[in-house]
Each structure stands twice: as structure tokens, then as C-alpha cells.
Amino acid sequence: MRIGTVSLLVFALITCTASICKATMVEWSTDDGGNGHFYEVVLVSLGIDWESANVAAIEAGGYLATITSAEENAFVHSLAAGNPDFWGDTEHYGPNIYGPWLGGFQPEGSPEPAGGWEWVTGEPFNYTNWTIHEPDNGSGGIENRLHFWDERTPLPYAPTWNDIYSDAELNSYVVEYIPEPTTFLLFGLGGILLRKRRRT
């Protein structure tokens, strides 16, 4: 593990609050066939809707995770699969298990139920892992955001997807970072040093 990664993990741990806590930030290493990006699951115990999660991910220096291959889906899902805290309150959303928000959305006016889906980054929406009978644009025809979803199997929950309305209050979301988070720290420290030099 790189030293820069360790310092960022400590940073993530000390930013936990009573209602929001970031899980360990993990790199999908190119040595393991990954893309070199970092991912973290953010727990929001009071619930968070898709738009708020999207804003929070951008403000953190990343974006809601985009999944473009089966390998990436398996990796991202593994960060949340074994922790029931990251999965939804079934009292609110029925008998199934509602997992973290992802960066997929369906623009208004798209052909329903499966047309027009996009990633927040503009990457091609070629790979999908919808659960059976999804997407279905249920809930009165307003389901246009993406999240992990499971049909109440035992832990670890399945890596399948569901469409749901953007105002749903889910327990968590996944942030993806590029360039590496260490770069963001270096930029931040560099900016502080530059401002100090200008003042002297």
C-alpha cells in the first residue's frame, strides 16, 4: 500500500460524523487488472437521495461511481457487499435490500424502461447488470436513478442493479476518484504553500 494512500485513509476516518461516515478508500490497482481509480462507500445513517449524493461526491473531488465492466462491478460491489449498514431500510422500501447509489441516471424523456441510461461522466453505458425484471420504471413511472439492489439473499448481497426514483433515501453511495486521491492532497497542500509564499 502506498504511503499517500495511508494518509488518505486516516483523513477519511477522521471525517466521520454522527450521521456520515466514509469507509476505507480502496484502489482498484492496475496490477490487479483495474483502472487505478480509488473508491469509497459513504454511509449516511439518516439517508440520502441521489441528487444530494451526486453533489457530495463532486464536492469530495470525485463522482458517483460509474461501472463499465463486470470486473469493475464486482470490485465496487465488494466494498459494500458484506456490510449490512450500507444497505437500505427495508421497512421503507419493501421486502428487498436497497444498496448504495451509483452514478447512473436516465434523462427525462428517455424511452422506458431501459432506454437512454447514462453515466455521470459521459462514459458509454454499455455494460449493465440489472437484476431480473429490471429496470421497470415502477413507482408510478418515475424511476430514473441507479443503485445496487438485492432480493433479500443472505450476506454478501448480490451485485445486481435496480432503477429507483431519485428522491429515495438510501443508506449509502459510492464515490470514485480520478486522478488518484493522493494527487488531490498534493494539490491542496501545494495551494496552501503557494498562498503562504504570496503573503510573505
N, C-alpha and C. Protein backbone atom coordinates (compact mmCIF):
# COMPACT_ATOMS: atom_id res chain seq x y z
N MET A 1 0.85 -1.19 0.00
CA MET A 1 0.00 0.00 0.00
C MET A 1 0.88 1.24 0.00
N ARG A 2 0.55 2.23 -0.81
CA ARG A 2 1.35 3.43 -0.92
C ARG A 2 1.18 4.33 0.31
N ILE A 3 2.22 5.09 0.60
CA ILE A 3 2.16 5.97 1.77
C ILE A 3 1.07 7.02 1.59
N GLY A 4 0.92 7.53 0.37
CA GLY A 4 -0.13 8.52 0.12
C GLY A 4 -1.50 7.96 0.42
N THR A 5 -1.70 6.69 0.10
CA THR A 5 -2.98 6.06 0.36
C THR A 5 -3.25 5.98 1.85
N VAL A 6 -2.22 5.63 2.63
CA VAL A 6 -2.38 5.52 4.07
C VAL A 6 -2.83 6.85 4.66
N SER A 7 -2.19 7.94 4.25
CA SER A 7 -2.56 9.24 4.79
C SER A 7 -3.98 9.60 4.44
N LEU A 8 -4.43 9.20 3.25
CA LEU A 8 -5.80 9.48 2.86
C LEU A 8 -6.79 8.65 3.66
N LEU A 9 -6.43 7.43 3.97
CA LEU A 9 -7.32 6.60 4.76
C LEU A 9 -7.52 7.19 6.15
N VAL A 10 -6.45 7.72 6.73
CA VAL A 10 -6.57 8.38 8.02
C VAL A 10 -7.48 9.59 7.89
N PHE A 11 -7.31 10.36 6.81
CA PHE A 11 -8.16 11.52 6.58
C PHE A 11 -9.62 11.12 6.52
N ALA A 12 -9.91 10.00 5.80
CA ALA A 12 -11.29 9.55 5.68
C ALA A 12 -11.86 9.17 7.04
N LEU A 13 -11.05 8.55 7.87
CA LEU A 13 -11.54 8.11 9.16
C LEU A 13 -11.85 9.31 10.06
N ILE A 14 -11.05 10.33 10.03
CA ILE A 14 -11.29 11.44 10.94
C ILE A 14 -12.39 12.38 10.45
N THR A 15 -12.91 12.16 9.22
CA THR A 15 -14.01 12.98 8.75
C THR A 15 -15.37 12.36 9.06
N CYS A 16 -15.38 11.26 9.78
CA CYS A 16 -16.65 10.66 10.17
C CYS A 16 -17.40 11.58 11.13
N THR A 17 -18.72 11.65 10.97
CA THR A 17 -19.57 12.40 11.88
C THR A 17 -20.65 11.45 12.40
N ALA A 18 -21.57 12.00 13.16
CA ALA A 18 -22.63 11.16 13.72
C ALA A 18 -23.51 10.54 12.65
N SER A 19 -23.70 11.25 11.54
CA SER A 19 -24.63 10.75 10.52
C SER A 19 -23.97 10.33 9.22
N ILE A 20 -22.70 10.73 9.00
CA ILE A 20 -22.00 10.40 7.76
C ILE A 20 -20.64 9.81 8.10
N CYS A 21 -20.32 8.68 7.50
CA CYS A 21 -19.02 8.06 7.73
C CYS A 21 -18.52 7.43 6.45
N LYS A 22 -17.28 7.76 6.09
CA LYS A 22 -16.69 7.21 4.88
C LYS A 22 -15.97 5.92 5.21
N ALA A 23 -16.18 4.90 4.38
CA ALA A 23 -15.46 3.65 4.55
C ALA A 23 -14.02 3.83 4.05
N THR A 24 -13.22 2.83 4.24
CA THR A 24 -11.85 2.88 3.78
C THR A 24 -11.81 3.09 2.27
N MET A 25 -10.99 4.02 1.82
CA MET A 25 -10.81 4.27 0.40
C MET A 25 -9.87 3.21 -0.17
N VAL A 26 -10.28 2.59 -1.27
CA VAL A 26 -9.53 1.46 -1.81
C VAL A 26 -9.22 1.69 -3.29
N GLU A 27 -8.01 1.39 -3.68
CA GLU A 27 -7.62 1.49 -5.08
C GLU A 27 -7.92 0.20 -5.81
N TRP A 28 -8.48 0.32 -7.01
CA TRP A 28 -8.59 -0.83 -7.92
C TRP A 28 -7.32 -0.81 -8.76
N SER A 29 -6.32 -1.49 -8.28
CA SER A 29 -4.97 -1.41 -8.81
C SER A 29 -4.87 -1.92 -10.24
N THR A 30 -4.05 -1.24 -11.03
CA THR A 30 -3.79 -1.72 -12.39
C THR A 30 -3.05 -3.06 -12.37
N ASP A 31 -2.31 -3.32 -11.29
CA ASP A 31 -1.64 -4.61 -11.15
C ASP A 31 -2.64 -5.75 -11.04
N ASP A 32 -3.86 -5.41 -10.57
CA ASP A 32 -4.92 -6.41 -10.44
C ASP A 32 -5.90 -6.36 -11.61
N GLY A 33 -5.53 -5.65 -12.67
CA GLY A 33 -6.40 -5.55 -13.83
C GLY A 33 -7.38 -4.40 -13.75
N GLY A 34 -7.20 -3.52 -12.76
CA GLY A 34 -8.12 -2.41 -12.57
C GLY A 34 -7.73 -1.17 -13.34
N ASN A 35 -8.37 -0.06 -12.99
CA ASN A 35 -8.17 1.20 -13.71
C ASN A 35 -7.32 2.21 -12.94
N GLY A 36 -6.87 1.84 -11.74
CA GLY A 36 -6.07 2.75 -10.93
C GLY A 36 -6.89 3.79 -10.19
N HIS A 37 -8.21 3.72 -10.29
CA HIS A 37 -9.07 4.67 -9.58
C HIS A 37 -9.24 4.22 -8.13
N PHE A 38 -9.65 5.16 -7.29
CA PHE A 38 -9.96 4.87 -5.90
C PHE A 38 -11.47 4.95 -5.69
N TYR A 39 -11.97 4.15 -4.77
CA TYR A 39 -13.41 4.09 -4.49
C TYR A 39 -13.61 4.09 -2.99
N GLU A 40 -14.71 4.70 -2.56
CA GLU A 40 -15.10 4.59 -1.16
C GLU A 40 -16.62 4.57 -1.06
N VAL A 41 -17.11 3.82 -0.10
CA VAL A 41 -18.53 3.79 0.19
C VAL A 41 -18.78 4.75 1.34
N VAL A 42 -19.76 5.63 1.16
CA VAL A 42 -20.08 6.61 2.19
C VAL A 42 -21.41 6.23 2.82
N LEU A 43 -21.40 6.02 4.12
CA LEU A 43 -22.60 5.67 4.87
C LEU A 43 -23.27 6.94 5.37
N VAL A 44 -24.57 7.06 5.11
CA VAL A 44 -25.36 8.19 5.60
C VAL A 44 -26.51 7.59 6.40
N SER A 45 -26.34 7.54 7.70
CA SER A 45 -27.30 6.81 8.53
C SER A 45 -28.70 7.39 8.48
N LEU A 46 -28.81 8.69 8.18
CA LEU A 46 -30.13 9.32 8.11
C LEU A 46 -30.74 9.22 6.72
N GLY A 47 -30.00 8.65 5.76
CA GLY A 47 -30.49 8.51 4.40
C GLY A 47 -30.09 9.68 3.52
N ILE A 48 -29.94 9.41 2.22
CA ILE A 48 -29.57 10.46 1.28
C ILE A 48 -30.18 10.15 -0.08
N ASP A 49 -30.68 11.19 -0.77
CA ASP A 49 -31.24 10.99 -2.11
C ASP A 49 -30.13 11.07 -3.14
N TRP A 50 -30.45 10.71 -4.39
CA TRP A 50 -29.42 10.62 -5.43
C TRP A 50 -28.79 11.97 -5.72
N GLU A 51 -29.59 13.01 -5.85
CA GLU A 51 -29.05 14.32 -6.19
C GLU A 51 -28.08 14.81 -5.11
N SER A 52 -28.43 14.62 -3.84
CA SER A 52 -27.55 15.03 -2.75
C SER A 52 -26.27 14.21 -2.74
N ALA A 53 -26.38 12.92 -3.01
CA ALA A 53 -25.19 12.06 -3.08
C ALA A 53 -24.29 12.50 -4.24
N ASN A 54 -24.89 12.85 -5.35
CA ASN A 54 -24.13 13.29 -6.51
C ASN A 54 -23.35 14.56 -6.19
N VAL A 55 -24.00 15.53 -5.54
CA VAL A 55 -23.33 16.77 -5.16
C VAL A 55 -22.21 16.49 -4.16
N ALA A 56 -22.48 15.63 -3.18
CA ALA A 56 -21.48 15.32 -2.16
C ALA A 56 -20.25 14.66 -2.78
N ALA A 57 -20.47 13.77 -3.76
CA ALA A 57 -19.35 13.10 -4.42
C ALA A 57 -18.49 14.10 -5.17
N ILE A 58 -19.11 15.04 -5.86
CA ILE A 58 -18.37 16.06 -6.60
C ILE A 58 -17.61 16.97 -5.65
N GLU A 59 -18.26 17.36 -4.55
CA GLU A 59 -17.59 18.23 -3.58
C GLU A 59 -16.41 17.54 -2.92
N ALA A 60 -16.44 16.20 -2.86
CA ALA A 60 -15.33 15.44 -2.28
C ALA A 60 -14.18 15.29 -3.26
N GLY A 61 -14.37 15.72 -4.51
CA GLY A 61 -13.31 15.62 -5.50
C GLY A 61 -13.46 14.43 -6.43
N GLY A 62 -14.59 13.73 -6.35
CA GLY A 62 -14.82 12.58 -7.22
C GLY A 62 -16.16 12.68 -7.91
N TYR A 63 -16.80 11.53 -8.09
CA TYR A 63 -18.12 11.46 -8.69
C TYR A 63 -18.75 10.14 -8.29
N LEU A 64 -20.06 10.05 -8.39
CA LEU A 64 -20.72 8.78 -8.10
C LEU A 64 -20.16 7.72 -9.05
N ALA A 65 -19.86 6.56 -8.51
CA ALA A 65 -19.14 5.52 -9.25
C ALA A 65 -19.85 5.13 -10.54
N THR A 66 -19.05 5.01 -11.58
CA THR A 66 -19.53 4.53 -12.88
C THR A 66 -18.95 3.15 -13.12
N ILE A 67 -19.75 2.25 -13.62
CA ILE A 67 -19.33 0.85 -13.74
C ILE A 67 -19.43 0.42 -15.20
N THR A 68 -18.29 0.12 -15.79
CA THR A 68 -18.26 -0.14 -17.22
C THR A 68 -17.82 -1.56 -17.59
N SER A 69 -17.70 -2.43 -16.59
CA SER A 69 -17.34 -3.83 -16.88
C SER A 69 -17.77 -4.71 -15.73
N ALA A 70 -17.85 -6.00 -16.00
CA ALA A 70 -18.19 -6.96 -14.95
C ALA A 70 -17.15 -6.96 -13.85
N GLU A 71 -15.89 -6.76 -14.22
CA GLU A 71 -14.81 -6.76 -13.24
C GLU A 71 -14.92 -5.55 -12.32
N GLU A 72 -15.22 -4.40 -12.89
CA GLU A 72 -15.38 -3.21 -12.06
C GLU A 72 -16.61 -3.34 -11.16
N ASN A 73 -17.68 -3.91 -11.70
CA ASN A 73 -18.88 -4.12 -10.90
C ASN A 73 -18.59 -4.99 -9.69
N ALA A 74 -17.84 -6.08 -9.93
CA ALA A 74 -17.51 -6.99 -8.83
C ALA A 74 -16.65 -6.29 -7.79
N PHE A 75 -15.69 -5.49 -8.25
CA PHE A 75 -14.80 -4.81 -7.31
C PHE A 75 -15.57 -3.79 -6.48
N VAL A 76 -16.32 -2.92 -7.13
CA VAL A 76 -17.05 -1.88 -6.42
C VAL A 76 -18.06 -2.49 -5.46
N HIS A 77 -18.77 -3.51 -5.92
CA HIS A 77 -19.75 -4.16 -5.07
C HIS A 77 -19.11 -4.78 -3.85
N SER A 78 -17.89 -5.32 -4.01
CA SER A 78 -17.22 -6.00 -2.89
C SER A 78 -16.95 -5.05 -1.73
N LEU A 79 -16.87 -3.75 -1.99
CA LEU A 79 -16.60 -2.79 -0.94
C LEU A 79 -17.78 -2.62 0.01
N ALA A 80 -18.97 -2.97 -0.46
CA ALA A 80 -20.17 -2.79 0.36
C ALA A 80 -20.91 -4.08 0.66
N ALA A 81 -20.59 -5.14 -0.07
CA ALA A 81 -21.43 -6.34 -0.06
C ALA A 81 -21.60 -6.98 1.30
N GLY A 82 -20.55 -6.99 2.11
CA GLY A 82 -20.61 -7.70 3.37
C GLY A 82 -21.03 -6.89 4.57
N ASN A 83 -21.35 -5.63 4.36
CA ASN A 83 -21.71 -4.75 5.48
C ASN A 83 -23.17 -4.34 5.38
N PRO A 84 -24.03 -4.87 6.22
CA PRO A 84 -25.46 -4.55 6.12
C PRO A 84 -25.78 -3.09 6.37
N ASP A 85 -24.86 -2.34 7.01
CA ASP A 85 -25.11 -0.92 7.26
C ASP A 85 -25.23 -0.13 5.96
N PHE A 86 -24.56 -0.60 4.90
CA PHE A 86 -24.59 0.12 3.63
C PHE A 86 -25.87 -0.14 2.84
N TRP A 87 -26.70 -1.05 3.32
CA TRP A 87 -27.88 -1.47 2.55
C TRP A 87 -29.16 -0.97 3.19
N GLY A 88 -30.18 -0.76 2.36
CA GLY A 88 -31.34 0.03 2.72
C GLY A 88 -32.23 -0.51 3.82
N ASP A 89 -33.02 0.41 4.34
CA ASP A 89 -34.02 0.13 5.36
C ASP A 89 -35.24 -0.50 4.70
N THR A 90 -35.40 -1.80 4.87
CA THR A 90 -36.48 -2.50 4.18
C THR A 90 -37.86 -2.10 4.70
N GLU A 91 -37.92 -1.48 5.87
CA GLU A 91 -39.22 -1.01 6.36
C GLU A 91 -39.81 0.05 5.44
N HIS A 92 -38.91 0.85 4.82
CA HIS A 92 -39.38 1.91 3.94
C HIS A 92 -39.60 1.43 2.52
N TYR A 93 -38.78 0.49 2.05
CA TYR A 93 -38.78 0.16 0.64
C TYR A 93 -39.18 -1.28 0.33
N GLY A 94 -39.91 -1.90 1.22
CA GLY A 94 -40.43 -3.22 0.90
C GLY A 94 -39.49 -4.34 1.30
N PRO A 95 -39.71 -5.52 0.74
CA PRO A 95 -39.01 -6.71 1.22
C PRO A 95 -37.60 -6.89 0.66
N ASN A 96 -37.13 -6.00 -0.18
CA ASN A 96 -35.83 -6.19 -0.81
C ASN A 96 -34.76 -5.33 -0.14
N ILE A 97 -33.52 -5.52 -0.56
CA ILE A 97 -32.39 -4.87 0.05
C ILE A 97 -31.85 -3.79 -0.89
N TYR A 98 -31.88 -2.55 -0.43
CA TYR A 98 -31.51 -1.42 -1.26
C TYR A 98 -30.09 -0.96 -0.96
N GLY A 99 -29.19 -1.16 -1.92
CA GLY A 99 -27.79 -0.86 -1.73
C GLY A 99 -27.42 0.55 -2.17
N PRO A 100 -26.11 0.82 -2.21
CA PRO A 100 -25.60 2.17 -2.45
C PRO A 100 -25.99 2.75 -3.81
N TRP A 101 -26.11 4.09 -3.83
CA TRP A 101 -26.29 4.81 -5.08
C TRP A 101 -25.06 4.67 -5.96
N LEU A 102 -25.29 4.62 -7.28
CA LEU A 102 -24.23 4.65 -8.28
C LEU A 102 -24.48 5.84 -9.21
N GLY A 103 -23.54 6.08 -10.13
CA GLY A 103 -23.62 7.26 -10.98
C GLY A 103 -24.40 7.11 -12.26
N GLY A 104 -25.38 6.22 -12.29
CA GLY A 104 -26.21 6.05 -13.47
C GLY A 104 -27.52 6.81 -13.34
N PHE A 105 -27.96 7.41 -14.45
CA PHE A 105 -29.22 8.14 -14.44
C PHE A 105 -29.86 8.06 -15.82
N GLN A 106 -31.15 8.30 -15.86
CA GLN A 106 -31.92 8.26 -17.10
C GLN A 106 -32.54 9.65 -17.33
N PRO A 107 -32.07 10.36 -18.35
CA PRO A 107 -32.60 11.70 -18.59
C PRO A 107 -34.11 11.69 -18.86
N GLU A 108 -34.75 12.78 -18.51
CA GLU A 108 -36.18 12.92 -18.75
C GLU A 108 -36.48 12.76 -20.24
N GLY A 109 -37.54 12.03 -20.55
CA GLY A 109 -37.93 11.82 -21.93
C GLY A 109 -37.31 10.60 -22.59
N SER A 110 -36.48 9.85 -21.83
CA SER A 110 -35.85 8.65 -22.39
C SER A 110 -36.89 7.56 -22.61
N PRO A 111 -36.69 6.68 -23.61
CA PRO A 111 -37.60 5.56 -23.80
C PRO A 111 -37.59 4.65 -22.58
N GLU A 112 -38.76 4.32 -22.07
CA GLU A 112 -38.85 3.49 -20.87
C GLU A 112 -39.06 2.02 -21.24
N PRO A 113 -38.55 1.11 -20.38
CA PRO A 113 -37.88 1.41 -19.11
C PRO A 113 -36.36 1.47 -19.21
N ALA A 114 -35.78 0.96 -20.32
CA ALA A 114 -34.33 0.74 -20.34
C ALA A 114 -33.57 1.70 -21.25
N GLY A 115 -34.25 2.64 -21.89
CA GLY A 115 -33.57 3.50 -22.86
C GLY A 115 -32.92 4.72 -22.25
N GLY A 116 -31.85 5.16 -22.88
CA GLY A 116 -31.25 6.44 -22.57
C GLY A 116 -30.39 6.53 -21.33
N TRP A 117 -30.12 5.42 -20.67
CA TRP A 117 -29.33 5.49 -19.43
C TRP A 117 -27.94 6.03 -19.71
N GLU A 118 -27.42 6.84 -18.79
CA GLU A 118 -26.12 7.47 -18.92
C GLU A 118 -25.34 7.36 -17.61
N TRP A 119 -24.02 7.54 -17.74
CA TRP A 119 -23.17 7.70 -16.56
C TRP A 119 -22.89 9.18 -16.35
N VAL A 120 -22.68 9.59 -15.11
CA VAL A 120 -22.45 11.00 -14.81
C VAL A 120 -21.20 11.54 -15.49
N THR A 121 -20.29 10.67 -15.88
CA THR A 121 -19.04 11.09 -16.53
C THR A 121 -19.17 11.16 -18.04
N GLY A 122 -20.28 10.67 -18.58
CA GLY A 122 -20.43 10.62 -20.03
C GLY A 122 -19.84 9.38 -20.67
N GLU A 123 -19.30 8.46 -19.87
CA GLU A 123 -18.79 7.20 -20.42
C GLU A 123 -19.94 6.41 -21.05
N PRO A 124 -19.62 5.57 -22.04
CA PRO A 124 -20.67 4.76 -22.66
C PRO A 124 -21.35 3.84 -21.64
N PHE A 125 -22.65 3.77 -21.71
CA PHE A 125 -23.42 2.90 -20.81
C PHE A 125 -23.64 1.56 -21.53
N ASN A 126 -22.54 0.84 -21.72
CA ASN A 126 -22.59 -0.41 -22.48
C ASN A 126 -22.77 -1.63 -21.58
N TYR A 127 -22.04 -1.65 -20.48
CA TYR A 127 -22.17 -2.77 -19.54
C TYR A 127 -23.34 -2.51 -18.59
N THR A 128 -24.15 -3.54 -18.32
CA THR A 128 -25.22 -3.45 -17.32
C THR A 128 -25.28 -4.74 -16.52
N ASN A 129 -25.84 -4.64 -15.34
CA ASN A 129 -26.05 -5.83 -14.52
C ASN A 129 -27.38 -5.73 -13.78
N TRP A 130 -28.43 -5.40 -14.54
CA TRP A 130 -29.76 -5.31 -13.96
C TRP A 130 -30.19 -6.65 -13.37
N THR A 131 -30.89 -6.58 -12.25
CA THR A 131 -31.50 -7.80 -11.71
C THR A 131 -32.68 -8.18 -12.61
N ILE A 132 -33.19 -9.36 -12.46
CA ILE A 132 -34.27 -9.84 -13.30
C ILE A 132 -35.48 -8.91 -13.21
N HIS A 133 -36.10 -8.63 -14.35
CA HIS A 133 -37.28 -7.76 -14.48
C HIS A 133 -36.97 -6.28 -14.24
N GLU A 134 -35.69 -5.93 -14.19
CA GLU A 134 -35.31 -4.52 -14.04
C GLU A 134 -34.46 -4.09 -15.23
N PRO A 135 -34.47 -2.81 -15.59
CA PRO A 135 -35.26 -1.74 -15.00
C PRO A 135 -36.73 -1.85 -15.40
N ASP A 136 -37.60 -1.37 -14.52
CA ASP A 136 -39.03 -1.48 -14.82
C ASP A 136 -39.78 -0.14 -14.76
N ASN A 137 -39.06 0.92 -14.36
CA ASN A 137 -39.68 2.25 -14.25
C ASN A 137 -40.94 2.19 -13.41
N GLY A 138 -40.85 1.47 -12.29
CA GLY A 138 -42.00 1.35 -11.38
C GLY A 138 -42.22 2.62 -10.58
N SER A 139 -42.89 2.47 -9.46
CA SER A 139 -43.19 3.61 -8.57
C SER A 139 -43.90 4.74 -9.30
N GLY A 140 -44.83 4.39 -10.16
CA GLY A 140 -45.58 5.41 -10.88
C GLY A 140 -44.84 6.01 -12.06
N GLY A 141 -43.84 5.30 -12.57
CA GLY A 141 -43.14 5.77 -13.76
C GLY A 141 -42.12 6.86 -13.52
N ILE A 142 -41.49 6.87 -12.34
CA ILE A 142 -40.51 7.93 -12.04
C ILE A 142 -39.15 7.35 -11.63
N GLU A 143 -38.87 6.12 -11.99
CA GLU A 143 -37.61 5.50 -11.58
C GLU A 143 -36.54 5.78 -12.63
N ASN A 144 -35.60 6.65 -12.28
CA ASN A 144 -34.60 7.09 -13.25
C ASN A 144 -33.19 7.24 -12.67
N ARG A 145 -32.92 6.57 -11.55
CA ARG A 145 -31.59 6.59 -10.94
C ARG A 145 -31.18 5.16 -10.59
N LEU A 146 -29.87 4.94 -10.48
CA LEU A 146 -29.31 3.59 -10.38
C LEU A 146 -28.71 3.32 -9.01
N HIS A 147 -28.91 2.10 -8.53
CA HIS A 147 -28.27 1.67 -7.27
C HIS A 147 -28.14 0.16 -7.26
N PHE A 148 -27.28 -0.35 -6.37
CA PHE A 148 -27.20 -1.79 -6.14
C PHE A 148 -28.48 -2.25 -5.45
N TRP A 149 -28.89 -3.48 -5.73
CA TRP A 149 -30.16 -3.98 -5.22
C TRP A 149 -30.12 -5.50 -5.10
N ASP A 150 -30.74 -6.03 -4.08
CA ASP A 150 -30.72 -7.47 -3.86
C ASP A 150 -32.10 -7.95 -3.41
N GLU A 151 -32.44 -9.17 -3.82
CA GLU A 151 -33.75 -9.73 -3.45
C GLU A 151 -33.68 -10.54 -2.15
N ARG A 152 -33.15 -9.90 -1.12
CA ARG A 152 -33.10 -10.48 0.23
C ARG A 152 -32.36 -11.81 0.30
N THR A 153 -31.27 -11.95 -0.43
CA THR A 153 -30.42 -13.10 -0.23
C THR A 153 -29.56 -12.85 1.01
N PRO A 154 -28.97 -13.91 1.57
CA PRO A 154 -28.09 -13.69 2.73
C PRO A 154 -26.85 -12.89 2.33
N LEU A 155 -26.18 -12.28 3.30
CA LEU A 155 -24.91 -11.62 3.03
C LEU A 155 -23.91 -12.62 2.46
N PRO A 156 -23.01 -12.19 1.54
CA PRO A 156 -22.96 -10.86 0.95
C PRO A 156 -24.06 -10.68 -0.08
N TYR A 157 -24.60 -9.47 -0.17
CA TYR A 157 -25.70 -9.22 -1.08
C TYR A 157 -25.22 -9.27 -2.54
N ALA A 158 -26.17 -9.47 -3.45
CA ALA A 158 -25.86 -9.64 -4.86
C ALA A 158 -25.39 -8.34 -5.50
N PRO A 159 -24.59 -8.43 -6.59
CA PRO A 159 -24.06 -7.24 -7.26
C PRO A 159 -24.97 -6.73 -8.37
N THR A 160 -26.27 -6.93 -8.22
CA THR A 160 -27.22 -6.56 -9.27
C THR A 160 -27.75 -5.15 -9.08
N TRP A 161 -28.34 -4.61 -10.16
CA TRP A 161 -28.79 -3.22 -10.18
C TRP A 161 -30.30 -3.11 -10.24
N ASN A 162 -30.77 -1.95 -9.84
CA ASN A 162 -32.20 -1.61 -9.91
C ASN A 162 -32.33 -0.13 -10.25
N ASP A 163 -33.44 0.21 -10.89
CA ASP A 163 -33.77 1.63 -11.07
C ASP A 163 -34.75 2.04 -9.97
N ILE A 164 -34.58 3.26 -9.49
CA ILE A 164 -35.43 3.76 -8.41
C ILE A 164 -35.55 5.27 -8.58
N TYR A 165 -36.53 5.87 -7.95
CA TYR A 165 -36.74 7.31 -8.07
C TYR A 165 -35.64 8.07 -7.31
N SER A 166 -35.31 9.25 -7.81
CA SER A 166 -34.15 9.98 -7.30
C SER A 166 -34.33 10.48 -5.87
N ASP A 167 -35.57 10.60 -5.41
CA ASP A 167 -35.81 11.10 -4.06
C ASP A 167 -35.74 10.01 -2.98
N ALA A 168 -35.53 8.77 -3.37
CA ALA A 168 -35.42 7.69 -2.39
C ALA A 168 -34.27 8.00 -1.43
N GLU A 169 -34.48 7.73 -0.16
CA GLU A 169 -33.46 7.98 0.86
C GLU A 169 -32.72 6.68 1.15
N LEU A 170 -31.62 6.46 0.44
CA LEU A 170 -30.83 5.25 0.64
C LEU A 170 -29.74 5.48 1.68
N ASN A 171 -29.16 4.40 2.16
CA ASN A 171 -28.21 4.48 3.28
C ASN A 171 -26.80 4.86 2.88
N SER A 172 -26.47 4.78 1.57
CA SER A 172 -25.08 4.98 1.20
C SER A 172 -24.93 5.29 -0.28
N TYR A 173 -23.72 5.68 -0.65
CA TYR A 173 -23.37 5.89 -2.05
C TYR A 173 -21.89 5.59 -2.23
N VAL A 174 -21.49 5.34 -3.49
CA VAL A 174 -20.11 5.01 -3.78
C VAL A 174 -19.49 6.16 -4.58
N VAL A 175 -18.34 6.64 -4.09
CA VAL A 175 -17.60 7.70 -4.78
C VAL A 175 -16.39 7.09 -5.48
N GLU A 176 -16.15 7.53 -6.71
CA GLU A 176 -14.98 7.12 -7.49
C GLU A 176 -14.10 8.35 -7.68
N TYR A 177 -12.78 8.16 -7.53
CA TYR A 177 -11.83 9.28 -7.62
C TYR A 177 -10.82 9.05 -8.74
N ILE A 178 -10.65 10.07 -9.58
CA ILE A 178 -9.61 10.12 -10.60
C ILE A 178 -9.31 11.59 -10.86
N PRO A 179 -8.04 12.02 -10.88
CA PRO A 179 -6.85 11.21 -10.65
C PRO A 179 -6.79 10.67 -9.23
N GLU A 180 -5.70 9.99 -8.93
CA GLU A 180 -5.57 9.37 -7.62
C GLU A 180 -5.80 10.38 -6.51
N PRO A 181 -6.44 9.98 -5.44
CA PRO A 181 -6.68 10.91 -4.33
C PRO A 181 -5.42 11.54 -3.77
N THR A 182 -4.27 10.85 -3.88
CA THR A 182 -3.02 11.45 -3.40
C THR A 182 -2.74 12.74 -4.15
N THR A 183 -3.15 12.79 -5.42
CA THR A 183 -2.95 13.99 -6.21
C THR A 183 -3.75 15.15 -5.64
N PHE A 184 -4.99 14.87 -5.20
CA PHE A 184 -5.80 15.92 -4.61
C PHE A 184 -5.16 16.48 -3.36
N LEU A 185 -4.56 15.59 -2.55
CA LEU A 185 -3.88 16.08 -1.34
C LEU A 185 -2.70 16.95 -1.70
N LEU A 186 -1.92 16.52 -2.71
CA LEU A 186 -0.76 17.30 -3.12
C LEU A 186 -1.18 18.65 -3.67
N PHE A 187 -2.26 18.67 -4.47
CA PHE A 187 -2.78 19.94 -4.98
C PHE A 187 -3.19 20.84 -3.82
N GLY A 188 -3.87 20.26 -2.83
CA GLY A 188 -4.33 21.04 -1.69
C GLY A 188 -3.18 21.60 -0.89
N LEU A 189 -2.17 20.77 -0.61
CA LEU A 189 -1.01 21.24 0.14
C LEU A 189 -0.23 22.27 -0.66
N GLY A 190 -0.12 22.03 -1.98
CA GLY A 190 0.58 22.98 -2.84
C GLY A 190 -0.09 24.33 -2.85
N GLY A 191 -1.42 24.32 -2.87
CA GLY A 191 -2.17 25.56 -2.87
C GLY A 191 -1.97 26.34 -1.58
N ILE A 192 -1.93 25.63 -0.45
CA ILE A 192 -1.70 26.29 0.84
C ILE A 192 -0.31 26.92 0.89
N LEU A 193 0.70 26.16 0.43
CA LEU A 193 2.06 26.68 0.43
C LEU A 193 2.21 27.88 -0.49
N LEU A 194 1.54 27.80 -1.65
CA LEU A 194 1.61 28.91 -2.60
C LEU A 194 1.00 30.17 -2.02
N ARG A 195 -0.14 30.04 -1.32
CA ARG A 195 -0.78 31.20 -0.71
C ARG A 195 0.12 31.80 0.38
N LYS A 196 0.79 30.92 1.17
CA LYS A 196 1.67 31.41 2.22
C LYS A 196 2.86 32.18 1.63
N ARG A 197 3.40 31.68 0.50
CA ARG A 197 4.52 32.37 -0.13
C ARG A 197 4.10 33.74 -0.63
N ARG A 198 2.90 33.82 -1.18
CA ARG A 198 2.43 35.09 -1.73
C ARG A 198 2.23 36.13 -0.63
N ARG A 199 1.89 35.66 0.58
CA ARG A 199 1.66 36.60 1.68
C ARG A 199 2.94 37.13 2.28
N THR A 200 4.05 36.37 2.09
CA THR A 200 5.32 36.78 2.71
C THR A 200 6.14 37.64 1.77
